[in-house]
Amino acid sequence: MARAAVEIELSEEEERRLRAVLRTPSASQQQALRARIVLRAAEGATNTEIAAEAGVSLPTVGLWRRSFSERGLDVPRHEIWKGRNVGLLVKGASDGTSSGFLC
């Protein structure tokens, strides 16, 4: 059985700030994506609908939905992505392949 998506309810101030991100040319693509996901979730769209519209995976939609419900808009920049540090792809890795990473 699938888990129920976290319900998102926005205050007027939160909605205003999210819509401002979408209008700001200097906003990063990641910021704009998060804003679109949260706004669509607040409108009642399903994770599947949001993922299809935004061109992202279901886990990505769930991640940002949960993150917003737990922490709101003010997430420190260094905590936005806690995945492994992939770094830059470097040709000629130590094992002689071209799939090594420079971290």
Protein backbone atom coordinates (compact mmCIF):
# COMPACT_ATOMS: atom_id res chain seq x y z
CA MET A 1 0.00 0.00 0.00
CA ALA A 2 1.35 3.43 -0.93
CA ARG A 3 1.95 6.07 1.71
CA ALA A 4 -0.34 9.06 1.72
CA ALA A 5 1.30 12.26 0.50
CA VAL A 6 1.94 14.94 3.10
CA GLU A 7 -0.76 17.59 2.87
CA ILE A 8 0.52 21.11 2.22
CA GLU A 9 -1.32 24.20 3.43
CA LEU A 10 0.25 27.58 2.71
CA SER A 11 -0.20 30.82 4.55
CA GLU A 12 -0.73 33.89 2.38
CA GLU A 13 2.86 34.94 3.12
CA GLU A 14 4.29 31.53 2.11
CA GLU A 15 2.32 31.52 -1.13
CA ARG A 16 3.43 35.08 -1.88
CA ARG A 17 7.09 34.17 -1.30
CA LEU A 18 6.88 31.02 -3.44
CA ARG A 19 5.24 32.88 -6.32
CA ALA A 20 7.91 35.59 -6.02
CA VAL A 21 10.60 32.91 -6.49
CA LEU A 22 8.95 31.90 -9.78
CA ARG A 23 8.98 35.51 -11.00
CA THR A 24 12.56 36.24 -9.94
CA PRO A 25 15.02 35.88 -12.84
CA SER A 26 17.90 35.37 -10.42
CA ALA A 27 16.27 32.36 -8.72
CA SER A 28 18.12 29.11 -9.32
CA GLN A 29 16.42 26.31 -11.22
CA GLN A 30 16.39 24.29 -8.01
CA GLN A 31 14.62 27.08 -6.11
CA ALA A 32 12.04 27.45 -8.89
CA LEU A 33 11.48 23.69 -9.01
CA ARG A 34 10.92 23.52 -5.24
CA ALA A 35 8.50 26.46 -5.45
CA ARG A 36 6.51 24.81 -8.28
CA ILE A 37 6.34 21.49 -6.41
CA VAL A 38 5.14 23.07 -3.17
CA LEU A 39 2.61 25.35 -4.91
CA ARG A 40 1.12 22.45 -6.89
CA ALA A 41 1.00 20.29 -3.76
CA ALA A 42 -0.87 23.07 -1.95
CA GLU A 43 -3.33 23.18 -4.85
CA GLY A 44 -4.09 19.51 -4.19
CA ALA A 45 -2.17 17.92 -7.07
CA THR A 46 -0.93 14.37 -6.54
CA ASN A 47 2.76 13.51 -6.47
CA THR A 48 2.30 11.68 -9.78
CA GLU A 49 0.76 14.77 -11.42
CA ILE A 50 3.46 17.06 -10.03
CA ALA A 51 6.27 14.72 -11.10
CA ALA A 52 4.90 14.53 -14.65
CA GLU A 53 4.43 18.31 -14.91
CA ALA A 54 7.84 19.14 -13.45
CA GLY A 55 9.74 16.36 -15.21
CA VAL A 56 11.11 14.91 -11.97
CA SER A 57 10.79 11.59 -10.14
CA LEU A 58 8.16 10.73 -7.55
CA PRO A 59 10.81 10.52 -4.80
CA THR A 60 11.92 14.08 -5.64
CA VAL A 61 8.37 15.39 -5.27
CA GLY A 62 7.95 13.50 -2.00
CA LEU A 63 11.26 14.83 -0.70
CA TRP A 64 10.37 18.48 -1.28
CA ARG A 65 6.80 18.02 -0.05
CA ARG A 66 8.07 16.47 3.21
CA SER A 67 10.87 19.00 3.56
CA PHE A 68 8.44 21.89 3.26
CA SER A 69 5.95 20.36 5.70
CA GLU A 70 8.69 19.80 8.28
CA ARG A 71 10.80 22.94 7.81
CA GLY A 72 8.88 25.47 5.77
CA LEU A 73 10.61 27.89 3.43
CA ASP A 74 13.66 28.68 5.51
CA VAL A 75 15.97 25.71 4.93
CA PRO A 76 19.68 26.57 5.23
CA ARG A 77 21.34 26.31 1.81
CA HIS A 78 23.90 23.73 2.99
CA GLU A 79 21.07 21.41 4.07
CA ILE A 80 19.14 21.45 0.79
CA TRP A 81 21.05 18.46 -0.61
CA LYS A 82 22.52 15.93 1.78
CA GLY A 83 23.42 13.30 -0.81
CA ARG A 84 26.90 11.99 -1.48
CA ASN A 85 29.41 14.42 -2.91
CA VAL A 86 29.75 13.34 -6.52
CA GLY A 87 32.29 15.97 -7.54
CA LEU A 88 33.65 16.22 -11.07
CA LEU A 89 34.19 13.35 -13.45
CA VAL A 90 37.88 12.93 -14.20
CA LYS A 91 39.36 10.94 -17.09
CA GLY A 92 41.99 8.42 -16.10
CA ALA A 93 40.91 7.41 -12.61
CA SER A 94 43.37 5.57 -10.39
CA ASP A 95 42.18 2.18 -11.66
CA GLY A 96 42.76 3.19 -15.29
CA THR A 97 39.10 3.71 -16.16
CA SER A 98 37.44 6.98 -17.05
CA SER A 99 34.79 6.79 -14.34
CA GLY A 100 36.69 8.22 -11.37
CA PHE A 101 35.49 11.21 -9.38
CA LEU A 102 37.36 14.21 -8.10
CA CYS A 103 35.81 15.21 -4.78
